């Protein structure tokens, strides 16, 4: 039924990342780390945040997987929802929670765009490694509760990760367009 959703979402992560980095490939290090306001993130901080959040979620899924797997495996043939709406467009979604996954170290030691791209590509590969050897029916019946989203399964969580990247890439693109 949803056999290809995990592969589709993993490929979406890669396509979005490559498209974004191509669109800002001429950015200077100064422009990358310049904050538009004292309380606003720079383009570099938006990019670094996407990796930090994905890493945090992947690590959490890895820790919980052995506990959630047995029941999910028993339910693997039951239908599940693979689609989820773009939670970042929900009217009451808390968009100001990014400080929890703040890219703290980058302000004092800013890196170049190439390093950010490599770091994010490595994290996307680690996410792919976590997902790719697992049966989609098990992932779809492995559910976790997110206080901002509600109950979601691990297939939907992967899609939310792609929405998250897209959200921050769009913000960064808009900032870059304003600087050119």
N, C-alpha and C. Protein backbone atom coordinates (compact mmCIF):
# COMPACT_ATOMS: atom_id res chain seq x y z
N UNK A 1 0.82 -1.20 0.00
CA UNK A 1 0.00 0.00 0.00
C UNK A 1 0.86 1.27 0.00
N UNK A 2 1.77 1.41 0.96
CA UNK A 2 2.63 2.59 1.05
C UNK A 2 4.08 2.20 0.80
N UNK A 3 4.29 1.14 0.07
CA UNK A 3 5.62 0.53 -0.04
C UNK A 3 6.73 1.51 -0.38
N UNK A 4 6.43 2.52 -1.14
CA UNK A 4 7.48 3.41 -1.62
C UNK A 4 7.59 4.72 -0.86
N UNK A 5 6.77 4.96 0.15
CA UNK A 5 6.76 6.26 0.83
C UNK A 5 8.08 6.58 1.53
N UNK A 6 8.66 5.64 2.22
CA UNK A 6 9.91 5.90 2.92
C UNK A 6 10.99 6.29 1.92
N UNK A 7 11.14 5.54 0.85
CA UNK A 7 12.13 5.88 -0.19
C UNK A 7 11.82 7.24 -0.80
N UNK A 8 10.55 7.51 -1.04
CA UNK A 8 10.15 8.80 -1.60
C UNK A 8 10.54 9.95 -0.67
N UNK A 9 10.28 9.80 0.62
CA UNK A 9 10.59 10.86 1.58
C UNK A 9 12.10 11.02 1.78
N UNK A 10 12.83 9.91 1.76
CA UNK A 10 14.29 9.99 1.87
C UNK A 10 14.88 10.72 0.66
N UNK A 11 14.38 10.39 -0.51
CA UNK A 11 14.85 11.07 -1.73
C UNK A 11 14.46 12.54 -1.73
N UNK A 12 13.30 12.86 -1.17
CA UNK A 12 12.88 14.25 -1.06
C UNK A 12 13.85 15.05 -0.20
N UNK A 13 14.29 14.48 0.90
CA UNK A 13 15.29 15.15 1.75
C UNK A 13 16.52 15.52 0.92
N UNK A 14 17.00 14.57 0.13
CA UNK A 14 18.21 14.81 -0.67
C UNK A 14 17.96 15.85 -1.76
N UNK A 15 16.84 15.76 -2.45
CA UNK A 15 16.53 16.72 -3.53
C UNK A 15 16.39 18.14 -2.99
N UNK A 16 15.68 18.28 -1.88
CA UNK A 16 15.50 19.60 -1.28
C UNK A 16 16.84 20.19 -0.87
N UNK A 17 17.68 19.37 -0.25
CA UNK A 17 18.99 19.83 0.19
C UNK A 17 19.83 20.29 -0.99
N UNK A 18 19.90 19.46 -2.02
CA UNK A 18 20.72 19.81 -3.19
C UNK A 18 20.19 21.06 -3.88
N UNK A 19 18.89 21.17 -4.02
CA UNK A 19 18.29 22.35 -4.64
C UNK A 19 18.59 23.61 -3.84
N UNK A 20 18.47 23.50 -2.53
CA UNK A 20 18.72 24.67 -1.68
C UNK A 20 20.17 25.12 -1.81
N UNK A 21 21.11 24.21 -1.67
CA UNK A 21 22.51 24.60 -1.70
C UNK A 21 22.92 25.13 -3.07
N UNK A 22 22.30 24.64 -4.12
CA UNK A 22 22.56 25.19 -5.45
C UNK A 22 22.07 26.64 -5.53
N UNK A 23 20.94 26.91 -4.89
CA UNK A 23 20.36 28.27 -4.96
C UNK A 23 21.14 29.31 -4.17
N UNK A 24 21.97 28.89 -3.23
CA UNK A 24 22.75 29.85 -2.43
C UNK A 24 24.25 29.62 -2.57
N UNK A 25 24.67 28.96 -3.63
CA UNK A 25 26.08 28.56 -3.76
C UNK A 25 27.05 29.74 -3.80
N UNK A 26 26.60 30.93 -4.15
CA UNK A 26 27.49 32.09 -4.24
C UNK A 26 27.51 32.94 -2.98
N UNK A 27 26.91 32.49 -1.93
CA UNK A 27 26.85 33.28 -0.71
C UNK A 27 28.23 33.37 -0.05
N UNK A 28 28.53 34.52 0.49
CA UNK A 28 29.80 34.69 1.20
C UNK A 28 29.63 34.24 2.65
N UNK A 29 30.74 34.00 3.32
CA UNK A 29 30.68 33.58 4.71
C UNK A 29 30.03 34.67 5.57
N UNK A 30 30.34 35.93 5.28
CA UNK A 30 29.74 37.03 6.04
C UNK A 30 28.22 37.06 5.86
N UNK A 31 27.76 36.93 4.61
CA UNK A 31 26.32 36.94 4.35
C UNK A 31 25.65 35.71 4.96
N UNK A 32 26.36 34.60 4.98
CA UNK A 32 25.83 33.36 5.53
C UNK A 32 25.52 33.49 7.03
N UNK A 33 26.36 34.22 7.75
CA UNK A 33 26.23 34.29 9.20
C UNK A 33 25.70 35.63 9.72
N UNK A 34 25.39 36.56 8.83
CA UNK A 34 24.88 37.86 9.24
C UNK A 34 23.41 37.73 9.66
N UNK A 35 23.13 38.14 10.89
CA UNK A 35 21.77 38.09 11.39
C UNK A 35 20.99 39.32 10.92
N UNK A 36 19.76 39.14 10.46
CA UNK A 36 18.96 40.28 10.02
C UNK A 36 18.53 41.17 11.20
N UNK A 37 18.49 40.60 12.37
CA UNK A 37 18.15 41.33 13.60
C UNK A 37 18.80 40.57 14.76
N UNK A 38 18.94 41.23 15.88
CA UNK A 38 19.62 40.62 17.04
C UNK A 38 18.95 39.32 17.48
N UNK A 39 17.65 39.24 17.38
CA UNK A 39 16.92 38.05 17.85
C UNK A 39 16.50 37.11 16.71
N UNK A 40 17.07 37.31 15.53
CA UNK A 40 16.72 36.47 14.38
C UNK A 40 17.94 35.66 13.94
N UNK A 41 17.69 34.45 13.44
CA UNK A 41 18.78 33.61 12.99
C UNK A 41 19.31 34.06 11.64
N UNK A 42 20.56 33.77 11.42
CA UNK A 42 21.19 33.99 10.12
C UNK A 42 20.82 32.82 9.20
N UNK A 43 21.20 32.95 7.94
CA UNK A 43 20.98 31.85 6.98
C UNK A 43 21.73 30.60 7.46
N UNK A 44 22.95 30.78 7.90
CA UNK A 44 23.74 29.64 8.38
C UNK A 44 23.11 28.96 9.58
N UNK A 45 22.54 29.77 10.47
CA UNK A 45 21.89 29.18 11.65
C UNK A 45 20.64 28.39 11.26
N UNK A 46 19.90 28.86 10.27
CA UNK A 46 18.74 28.10 9.78
C UNK A 46 19.19 26.74 9.25
N UNK A 47 20.27 26.74 8.48
CA UNK A 47 20.77 25.49 7.90
C UNK A 47 21.28 24.54 9.00
N UNK A 48 22.08 25.09 9.91
CA UNK A 48 22.63 24.27 10.99
C UNK A 48 21.50 23.68 11.86
N UNK A 49 20.47 24.48 12.10
CA UNK A 49 19.33 24.03 12.91
C UNK A 49 18.65 22.81 12.28
N UNK A 50 18.52 22.79 10.95
CA UNK A 50 17.86 21.65 10.31
C UNK A 50 18.60 20.35 10.63
N UNK A 51 19.92 20.41 10.59
CA UNK A 51 20.72 19.22 10.91
C UNK A 51 20.58 18.82 12.37
N UNK A 52 20.63 19.81 13.25
CA UNK A 52 20.56 19.54 14.68
C UNK A 52 19.23 18.90 15.05
N UNK A 53 18.13 19.40 14.49
CA UNK A 53 16.83 18.82 14.79
C UNK A 53 16.72 17.40 14.25
N UNK A 54 17.14 17.20 13.00
CA UNK A 54 17.08 15.85 12.43
C UNK A 54 17.92 14.86 13.23
N UNK A 55 19.11 15.30 13.65
CA UNK A 55 19.98 14.43 14.46
C UNK A 55 19.30 14.06 15.77
N UNK A 56 18.69 15.03 16.40
CA UNK A 56 17.99 14.79 17.66
C UNK A 56 16.85 13.78 17.48
N UNK A 57 16.06 13.97 16.43
CA UNK A 57 14.94 13.05 16.18
C UNK A 57 15.45 11.64 15.85
N UNK A 58 16.49 11.58 15.01
CA UNK A 58 17.04 10.26 14.64
C UNK A 58 17.56 9.52 15.87
N UNK A 59 18.26 10.25 16.73
CA UNK A 59 18.77 9.62 17.95
C UNK A 59 17.64 9.14 18.85
N UNK A 60 16.58 9.94 18.96
CA UNK A 60 15.44 9.54 19.77
C UNK A 60 14.79 8.28 19.18
N UNK A 61 14.60 8.27 17.85
CA UNK A 61 14.00 7.10 17.21
C UNK A 61 14.87 5.87 17.43
N UNK A 62 16.17 6.03 17.36
CA UNK A 62 17.10 4.91 17.56
C UNK A 62 16.99 4.35 18.97
N UNK A 63 16.86 5.22 19.96
CA UNK A 63 16.73 4.78 21.35
C UNK A 63 15.40 4.06 21.57
N UNK A 64 14.32 4.62 21.03
CA UNK A 64 12.99 4.04 21.25
C UNK A 64 12.68 2.83 20.38
N UNK A 65 13.41 2.67 19.27
CA UNK A 65 13.12 1.59 18.32
C UNK A 65 13.04 0.21 18.98
N UNK A 66 13.98 -0.21 19.81
CA UNK A 66 13.89 -1.55 20.40
C UNK A 66 12.64 -1.76 21.26
N UNK A 67 12.13 -0.69 21.84
CA UNK A 67 10.94 -0.80 22.68
C UNK A 67 9.65 -0.77 21.87
N UNK A 68 9.66 -0.01 20.79
CA UNK A 68 8.46 0.14 19.96
C UNK A 68 8.34 -0.93 18.89
N UNK A 69 9.46 -1.51 18.50
CA UNK A 69 9.47 -2.49 17.42
C UNK A 69 8.56 -3.70 17.65
N UNK A 70 8.58 -4.35 18.82
CA UNK A 70 7.79 -5.58 18.95
C UNK A 70 6.29 -5.39 18.64
N UNK A 71 5.68 -4.38 19.20
CA UNK A 71 4.25 -4.15 18.93
C UNK A 71 4.04 -3.72 17.48
N UNK A 72 4.92 -2.87 16.97
CA UNK A 72 4.80 -2.42 15.59
C UNK A 72 4.95 -3.61 14.63
N UNK A 73 5.85 -4.54 14.95
CA UNK A 73 6.03 -5.71 14.09
C UNK A 73 4.76 -6.56 14.07
N UNK A 74 4.13 -6.73 15.25
CA UNK A 74 2.88 -7.49 15.29
C UNK A 74 1.77 -6.82 14.49
N UNK A 75 1.81 -5.51 14.40
CA UNK A 75 0.78 -4.74 13.69
C UNK A 75 1.18 -4.41 12.25
N UNK A 76 2.31 -4.90 11.77
CA UNK A 76 2.90 -4.48 10.50
C UNK A 76 1.99 -4.62 9.28
N UNK A 77 1.02 -5.50 9.35
CA UNK A 77 0.11 -5.69 8.21
C UNK A 77 -1.14 -4.80 8.30
N UNK A 78 -1.28 -4.09 9.39
CA UNK A 78 -2.42 -3.19 9.56
C UNK A 78 -2.18 -1.91 8.76
N UNK A 79 -3.25 -1.32 8.25
CA UNK A 79 -3.09 -0.08 7.50
C UNK A 79 -2.60 1.07 8.40
N UNK A 80 -1.92 2.01 7.80
CA UNK A 80 -1.41 3.19 8.51
C UNK A 80 -1.42 4.36 7.55
N UNK A 81 -1.36 5.54 8.11
CA UNK A 81 -1.30 6.75 7.29
C UNK A 81 0.15 7.09 7.01
N UNK A 82 0.48 7.24 5.75
CA UNK A 82 1.84 7.63 5.37
C UNK A 82 1.92 9.13 5.12
N UNK A 83 0.80 9.73 4.82
CA UNK A 83 0.76 11.17 4.52
C UNK A 83 0.47 11.95 5.79
N UNK A 84 0.99 13.16 5.83
CA UNK A 84 0.66 14.11 6.89
C UNK A 84 0.73 15.50 6.25
N UNK A 85 -0.14 16.37 6.71
CA UNK A 85 -0.12 17.73 6.18
C UNK A 85 1.15 18.46 6.61
N UNK A 86 1.41 19.59 5.99
CA UNK A 86 2.58 20.38 6.36
C UNK A 86 2.29 21.05 7.70
N UNK A 87 2.80 20.47 8.76
CA UNK A 87 2.50 20.95 10.12
C UNK A 87 3.01 22.37 10.34
N UNK A 88 4.02 22.78 9.57
CA UNK A 88 4.57 24.13 9.73
C UNK A 88 3.65 25.20 9.16
N UNK A 89 2.60 24.78 8.47
CA UNK A 89 1.60 25.72 7.96
C UNK A 89 0.32 25.72 8.80
N UNK A 90 0.30 24.91 9.84
CA UNK A 90 -0.86 24.91 10.73
C UNK A 90 -0.91 26.24 11.49
N UNK A 91 -2.10 26.83 11.60
CA UNK A 91 -2.21 28.15 12.23
C UNK A 91 -1.66 28.22 13.66
N UNK A 92 -1.81 27.19 14.43
CA UNK A 92 -1.38 27.24 15.83
C UNK A 92 -0.10 26.46 16.09
N UNK A 93 0.63 26.12 15.03
CA UNK A 93 1.86 25.36 15.23
C UNK A 93 2.91 26.29 15.85
N UNK A 94 3.59 25.84 16.91
CA UNK A 94 4.56 26.69 17.61
C UNK A 94 5.89 26.83 16.84
N UNK A 95 5.98 27.86 16.03
CA UNK A 95 7.18 28.07 15.22
C UNK A 95 8.34 28.67 16.01
N UNK A 96 8.11 29.03 17.24
CA UNK A 96 9.18 29.66 18.04
C UNK A 96 9.88 28.66 18.97
N UNK A 97 9.78 27.39 18.67
CA UNK A 97 10.40 26.37 19.53
C UNK A 97 11.80 25.99 19.07
N UNK A 98 12.30 26.63 18.03
CA UNK A 98 13.61 26.28 17.48
C UNK A 98 14.77 26.46 18.45
N UNK A 99 14.59 27.29 19.45
CA UNK A 99 15.66 27.51 20.42
C UNK A 99 16.08 26.22 21.13
N UNK A 100 15.18 25.26 21.16
CA UNK A 100 15.49 23.97 21.79
C UNK A 100 16.62 23.28 21.03
N UNK A 101 16.65 23.45 19.71
CA UNK A 101 17.68 22.85 18.85
C UNK A 101 18.52 23.97 18.23
N UNK A 102 18.97 24.85 19.07
CA UNK A 102 19.71 26.04 18.62
C UNK A 102 21.11 25.68 18.14
N UNK A 103 21.53 26.29 17.03
CA UNK A 103 22.90 26.07 16.53
C UNK A 103 23.89 26.95 17.26
N UNK A 104 24.10 26.70 18.53
CA UNK A 104 24.86 27.57 19.43
C UNK A 104 26.32 27.79 19.02
N UNK A 105 27.04 26.78 18.70
CA UNK A 105 28.47 26.90 18.47
C UNK A 105 28.87 27.67 17.23
N UNK A 106 27.95 27.87 16.33
CA UNK A 106 28.30 28.47 15.05
C UNK A 106 28.54 29.98 15.12
N UNK A 107 27.97 30.67 16.09
CA UNK A 107 28.14 32.13 16.17
C UNK A 107 29.61 32.49 16.44
N UNK A 108 30.27 31.72 17.28
CA UNK A 108 31.66 32.00 17.61
C UNK A 108 32.63 31.37 16.61
N UNK A 109 32.21 30.28 15.98
CA UNK A 109 33.05 29.58 15.01
C UNK A 109 32.26 29.32 13.74
N UNK A 110 31.97 30.36 12.97
CA UNK A 110 31.19 30.15 11.75
C UNK A 110 31.98 29.32 10.73
N UNK A 111 31.29 28.46 10.04
CA UNK A 111 31.91 27.61 9.03
C UNK A 111 31.43 28.05 7.65
N UNK A 112 32.07 27.56 6.62
CA UNK A 112 31.66 27.92 5.26
C UNK A 112 30.46 27.08 4.83
N UNK A 113 29.85 27.49 3.75
CA UNK A 113 28.67 26.82 3.22
C UNK A 113 28.97 25.35 2.88
N UNK A 114 30.16 25.10 2.38
CA UNK A 114 30.54 23.73 2.01
C UNK A 114 30.48 22.80 3.22
N UNK A 115 30.93 23.29 4.37
CA UNK A 115 30.92 22.48 5.59
C UNK A 115 29.47 22.22 6.03
N UNK A 116 28.64 23.26 5.99
CA UNK A 116 27.23 23.07 6.35
C UNK A 116 26.56 22.04 5.45
N UNK A 117 26.86 22.11 4.17
CA UNK A 117 26.29 21.17 3.21
C UNK A 117 26.73 19.74 3.53
N UNK A 118 28.01 19.58 3.81
CA UNK A 118 28.55 18.26 4.14
C UNK A 118 27.93 17.72 5.43
N UNK A 119 27.81 18.56 6.44
CA UNK A 119 27.21 18.13 7.71
C UNK A 119 25.76 17.69 7.51
N UNK A 120 25.01 18.47 6.74
CA UNK A 120 23.60 18.11 6.52
C UNK A 120 23.49 16.85 5.66
N UNK A 121 24.35 16.72 4.66
CA UNK A 121 24.34 15.51 3.83
C UNK A 121 24.65 14.27 4.67
N UNK A 122 25.58 14.40 5.60
CA UNK A 122 25.91 13.26 6.48
C UNK A 122 24.74 12.91 7.38
N UNK A 123 24.05 13.92 7.88
CA UNK A 123 22.89 13.63 8.74
C UNK A 123 21.77 12.99 7.92
N UNK A 124 21.55 13.48 6.71
CA UNK A 124 20.54 12.86 5.85
C UNK A 124 20.90 11.41 5.57
N UNK A 125 22.18 11.13 5.40
CA UNK A 125 22.62 9.75 5.19
C UNK A 125 22.38 8.91 6.44
N UNK A 126 22.61 9.47 7.60
CA UNK A 126 22.36 8.75 8.85
C UNK A 126 20.86 8.46 9.02
N UNK A 127 20.02 9.40 8.62
CA UNK A 127 18.56 9.18 8.65
C UNK A 127 18.21 8.06 7.68
N UNK A 128 18.79 8.11 6.49
CA UNK A 128 18.54 7.06 5.48
C UNK A 128 18.97 5.70 6.04
N UNK A 129 20.11 5.64 6.69
CA UNK A 129 20.61 4.39 7.26
C UNK A 129 19.63 3.85 8.30
N UNK A 130 19.09 4.73 9.13
CA UNK A 130 18.12 4.29 10.13
C UNK A 130 16.88 3.69 9.46
N UNK A 131 16.37 4.34 8.44
CA UNK A 131 15.10 3.95 7.83
C UNK A 131 15.20 2.82 6.81
N UNK A 132 16.26 2.77 6.04
CA UNK A 132 16.24 1.95 4.83
C UNK A 132 16.14 0.44 5.04
N UNK A 133 16.57 -0.08 6.16
CA UNK A 133 16.51 -1.53 6.34
C UNK A 133 15.29 -1.98 7.14
N UNK A 134 14.37 -1.06 7.36
CA UNK A 134 13.19 -1.39 8.16
C UNK A 134 11.95 -1.51 7.26
N UNK A 135 11.14 -2.48 7.60
CA UNK A 135 9.91 -2.72 6.83
C UNK A 135 8.95 -1.54 7.02
N UNK A 136 8.40 -1.07 5.91
CA UNK A 136 7.54 0.11 5.95
C UNK A 136 6.29 -0.12 6.81
N UNK A 137 5.77 -1.32 6.79
CA UNK A 137 4.60 -1.63 7.62
C UNK A 137 4.91 -1.53 9.12
N UNK A 138 6.13 -1.86 9.48
CA UNK A 138 6.55 -1.73 10.88
C UNK A 138 6.72 -0.25 11.22
N UNK A 139 7.41 0.50 10.37
CA UNK A 139 7.60 1.93 10.60
C UNK A 139 6.26 2.66 10.69
N UNK A 140 5.32 2.25 9.85
CA UNK A 140 4.01 2.89 9.82
C UNK A 140 3.15 2.56 11.03
N UNK A 141 3.49 1.52 11.73
CA UNK A 141 2.74 1.15 12.93
C UNK A 141 3.55 1.38 14.21
N UNK A 142 4.64 2.09 14.07
CA UNK A 142 5.48 2.48 15.19
C UNK A 142 5.19 3.95 15.47
N UNK A 143 4.45 4.22 16.53
CA UNK A 143 3.95 5.57 16.78
C UNK A 143 4.58 6.21 18.01
N UNK A 144 4.77 7.52 17.88
CA UNK A 144 5.29 8.34 18.97
C UNK A 144 4.40 9.58 19.10
N UNK A 145 4.41 10.15 20.28
CA UNK A 145 3.62 11.35 20.50
C UNK A 145 4.51 12.58 20.46
N UNK A 146 4.12 13.56 19.68
CA UNK A 146 4.81 14.84 19.62
C UNK A 146 3.84 15.87 20.18
N UNK A 147 4.24 16.65 21.18
CA UNK A 147 3.32 17.60 21.80
C UNK A 147 2.76 18.65 20.84
N UNK A 148 3.50 19.00 19.80
CA UNK A 148 3.03 20.01 18.85
C UNK A 148 2.21 19.41 17.71
N UNK A 149 2.43 18.12 17.42
CA UNK A 149 1.79 17.49 16.26
C UNK A 149 0.72 16.50 16.67
N UNK A 150 0.95 15.77 17.74
CA UNK A 150 0.07 14.69 18.16
C UNK A 150 0.73 13.35 17.84
N UNK A 151 -0.07 12.30 17.73
CA UNK A 151 0.46 10.97 17.44
C UNK A 151 0.85 10.88 15.98
N UNK A 152 2.08 10.47 15.72
CA UNK A 152 2.53 10.24 14.35
C UNK A 152 3.37 8.96 14.33
N UNK A 153 3.33 8.31 13.18
CA UNK A 153 4.17 7.12 13.03
C UNK A 153 5.51 7.54 12.42
N UNK A 154 6.43 6.60 12.32
CA UNK A 154 7.77 6.95 11.87
C UNK A 154 7.85 7.28 10.38
N UNK A 155 6.89 6.84 9.59
CA UNK A 155 6.83 7.25 8.19
C UNK A 155 6.42 8.72 8.13
N UNK A 156 5.39 9.07 8.88
CA UNK A 156 4.96 10.47 8.92
C UNK A 156 6.04 11.36 9.52
N UNK A 157 6.74 10.87 10.51
CA UNK A 157 7.81 11.65 11.14
C UNK A 157 8.90 11.99 10.12
N UNK A 158 9.19 11.06 9.23
CA UNK A 158 10.16 11.32 8.18
C UNK A 158 9.67 12.44 7.27
N UNK A 159 8.38 12.40 6.94
CA UNK A 159 7.81 13.46 6.09
C UNK A 159 7.85 14.81 6.81
N UNK A 160 7.58 14.81 8.10
CA UNK A 160 7.65 16.05 8.88
C UNK A 160 9.09 16.59 8.85
N UNK A 161 10.08 15.70 8.89
CA UNK A 161 11.47 16.13 8.78
C UNK A 161 11.73 16.84 7.45
N UNK A 162 11.14 16.33 6.38
CA UNK A 162 11.30 16.98 5.07
C UNK A 162 10.58 18.33 5.05
N UNK A 163 9.40 18.39 5.67
CA UNK A 163 8.70 19.68 5.78
C UNK A 163 9.54 20.68 6.58
N UNK A 164 10.18 20.20 7.63
CA UNK A 164 11.01 21.07 8.47
C UNK A 164 12.17 21.65 7.66
N UNK A 165 12.88 20.78 6.94
CA UNK A 165 13.96 21.27 6.08
C UNK A 165 13.43 22.31 5.10
N UNK A 166 12.32 21.99 4.45
CA UNK A 166 11.72 22.88 3.46
C UNK A 166 11.39 24.25 4.08
N UNK A 167 10.85 24.24 5.27
CA UNK A 167 10.48 25.47 5.98
C UNK A 167 11.70 26.36 6.18
N UNK A 168 12.79 25.77 6.68
CA UNK A 168 13.99 26.56 6.93
C UNK A 168 14.74 26.93 5.66
N UNK A 169 14.72 26.06 4.66
CA UNK A 169 15.34 26.41 3.39
C UNK A 169 14.62 27.59 2.75
N UNK A 170 13.30 27.60 2.85
CA UNK A 170 12.53 28.72 2.28
C UNK A 170 12.87 30.02 3.00
N UNK A 171 12.93 29.98 4.32
CA UNK A 171 13.30 31.18 5.09
C UNK A 171 14.69 31.66 4.67
N UNK A 172 15.63 30.74 4.55
CA UNK A 172 17.01 31.09 4.17
C UNK A 172 17.06 31.65 2.76
N UNK A 173 16.31 31.06 1.83
CA UNK A 173 16.26 31.57 0.45
C UNK A 173 15.73 33.00 0.42
N UNK A 174 14.67 33.25 1.18
CA UNK A 174 14.10 34.61 1.23
C UNK A 174 15.11 35.59 1.79
N UNK A 175 15.84 35.20 2.80
CA UNK A 175 16.87 36.07 3.38
C UNK A 175 17.98 36.33 2.34
N UNK A 176 18.39 35.30 1.62
CA UNK A 176 19.44 35.45 0.63
C UNK A 176 18.98 36.33 -0.52
N UNK A 177 17.74 36.19 -0.94
CA UNK A 177 17.19 37.02 -2.01
C UNK A 177 17.19 38.50 -1.60
N UNK A 178 16.94 38.77 -0.33
CA UNK A 178 16.95 40.14 0.17
C UNK A 178 18.34 40.75 0.26
N UNK A 179 19.37 39.90 0.27
CA UNK A 179 20.76 40.40 0.38
C UNK A 179 21.40 40.60 -0.98
N UNK A 180 20.81 40.03 -2.03
CA UNK A 180 21.43 40.11 -3.35
C UNK A 180 21.11 41.42 -4.03
